Amino acid sequence: MSENFISYKGKPLVRSGNEIYYGDMCDPFVVKFTVVSENSDGQPDKITVQLLKSDTTLSDKDRIVKETSKNTMFDALDFGFVWLERALK
């Protein structure tokens, strides 16, 4: 990896606005977290988690493999990590 990204369990986390991507785009899958809403303290309280195919030639809908919503970033990261690890095996 040529750029310095924050990582979680050895994979890069890249934020763009309210979206956070987890994983390496060179792998067949990545996880996308979308912060849908925040509480009064500015902490995410609804996060959509999507396991996506990395193939950007597919339509956005066709890239989605799995999707769920979580109420904390920790829970979202936990689900995303497990989904990505299983998909990459």
Protein backbone atom coordinates (compact mmCIF):
# COMPACT_ATOMS: atom_id res chain seq x y z
CA MET A 1 0.00 0.00 0.00
CA SER A 2 1.57 3.23 -1.10
CA GLU A 3 -0.58 5.61 0.95
CA ASN A 4 -0.89 5.74 4.72
CA PHE A 5 -4.43 4.78 5.69
CA ILE A 6 -5.90 4.09 9.09
CA SER A 7 -6.29 0.34 9.36
CA TYR A 8 -8.46 -2.06 11.32
CA LYS A 9 -7.20 -5.61 11.79
CA GLY A 10 -4.67 -5.15 8.99
CA LYS A 11 -6.99 -3.73 6.32
CA PRO A 12 -7.33 -0.06 5.30
CA LEU A 13 -10.24 2.14 6.41
CA VAL A 14 -10.91 5.05 4.05
CA ARG A 15 -13.51 7.70 4.79
CA SER A 16 -15.30 9.88 2.26
CA GLY A 17 -18.01 12.02 3.86
CA ASN A 18 -20.46 9.74 5.63
CA GLU A 19 -19.09 6.62 3.90
CA ILE A 20 -16.25 4.45 5.18
CA TYR A 21 -14.69 1.73 3.04
CA TYR A 22 -12.92 -1.22 4.67
CA GLY A 23 -10.62 -3.50 2.73
CA ASP A 24 -8.32 -3.46 -0.26
CA MET A 25 -9.90 -2.67 -3.64
CA CYS A 26 -7.49 -5.19 -5.18
CA ASP A 27 -9.34 -7.95 -3.30
CA PRO A 28 -12.62 -9.30 -4.72
CA PHE A 29 -14.69 -7.80 -1.85
CA VAL A 30 -14.75 -4.70 0.39
CA VAL A 31 -17.12 -3.45 3.06
CA LYS A 32 -18.91 -0.10 2.88
CA PHE A 33 -20.23 1.55 6.04
CA THR A 34 -22.67 4.44 5.62
CA VAL A 35 -23.41 6.61 8.65
CA VAL A 36 -27.14 7.23 8.28
CA SER A 37 -27.64 9.22 11.49
CA GLU A 38 -25.80 10.48 14.56
CA ASN A 39 -26.92 11.11 18.14
CA SER A 40 -26.72 14.50 19.87
CA ASP A 41 -23.07 13.76 20.82
CA GLY A 42 -22.12 13.31 17.17
CA GLN A 43 -21.68 9.54 17.54
CA PRO A 44 -23.14 7.33 14.79
CA ASP A 45 -26.37 5.67 15.94
CA LYS A 46 -27.41 4.08 12.65
CA ILE A 47 -24.87 2.60 10.26
CA THR A 48 -25.61 0.62 7.12
CA VAL A 49 -23.09 -2.18 6.46
CA GLN A 50 -22.70 -3.60 2.94
CA LEU A 51 -20.40 -6.33 1.70
CA LEU A 52 -19.60 -5.28 -1.87
CA LYS A 53 -17.92 -6.88 -4.84
CA SER A 54 -14.91 -4.74 -5.76
CA ASP A 55 -15.75 -4.92 -9.47
CA THR A 56 -16.69 -1.32 -10.26
CA THR A 57 -17.93 -2.30 -13.74
CA LEU A 58 -21.03 -3.82 -12.09
CA SER A 59 -24.01 -1.66 -11.20
CA ASP A 60 -24.22 -0.49 -7.59
CA LYS A 61 -27.13 -2.87 -6.97
CA ASP A 62 -25.29 -5.86 -8.47
CA ARG A 63 -22.23 -5.20 -6.30
CA ILE A 64 -24.13 -5.71 -3.01
CA VAL A 65 -23.63 -9.21 -1.58
CA LYS A 66 -24.95 -8.62 1.98
CA GLU A 67 -26.48 -5.68 3.83
CA THR A 68 -27.54 -4.89 7.41
CA SER A 69 -27.92 -1.94 9.79
CA LYS A 70 -26.27 -1.53 13.18
CA ASN A 71 -26.62 0.99 16.01
CA THR A 72 -22.94 1.43 16.93
CA MET A 73 -19.77 1.75 14.90
CA PHE A 74 -18.23 -1.09 16.92
CA ASP A 75 -21.04 -3.48 15.96
CA ALA A 76 -20.84 -2.34 12.33
CA LEU A 77 -17.06 -2.90 12.21
CA ASP A 78 -17.45 -6.29 13.86
CA PHE A 79 -19.99 -7.46 11.26
CA GLY A 80 -18.01 -5.98 8.39
CA PHE A 81 -14.80 -7.66 9.54
CA VAL A 82 -16.44 -11.10 9.79
CA TRP A 83 -18.22 -10.78 6.44
CA LEU A 84 -15.05 -9.67 4.67
CA GLU A 85 -12.88 -12.38 6.20
CA ARG A 86 -15.38 -15.09 5.22
CA ALA A 87 -15.80 -13.70 1.69
CA LEU A 88 -12.05 -13.60 1.10
CA LYS A 89 -11.47 -17.25 2.13
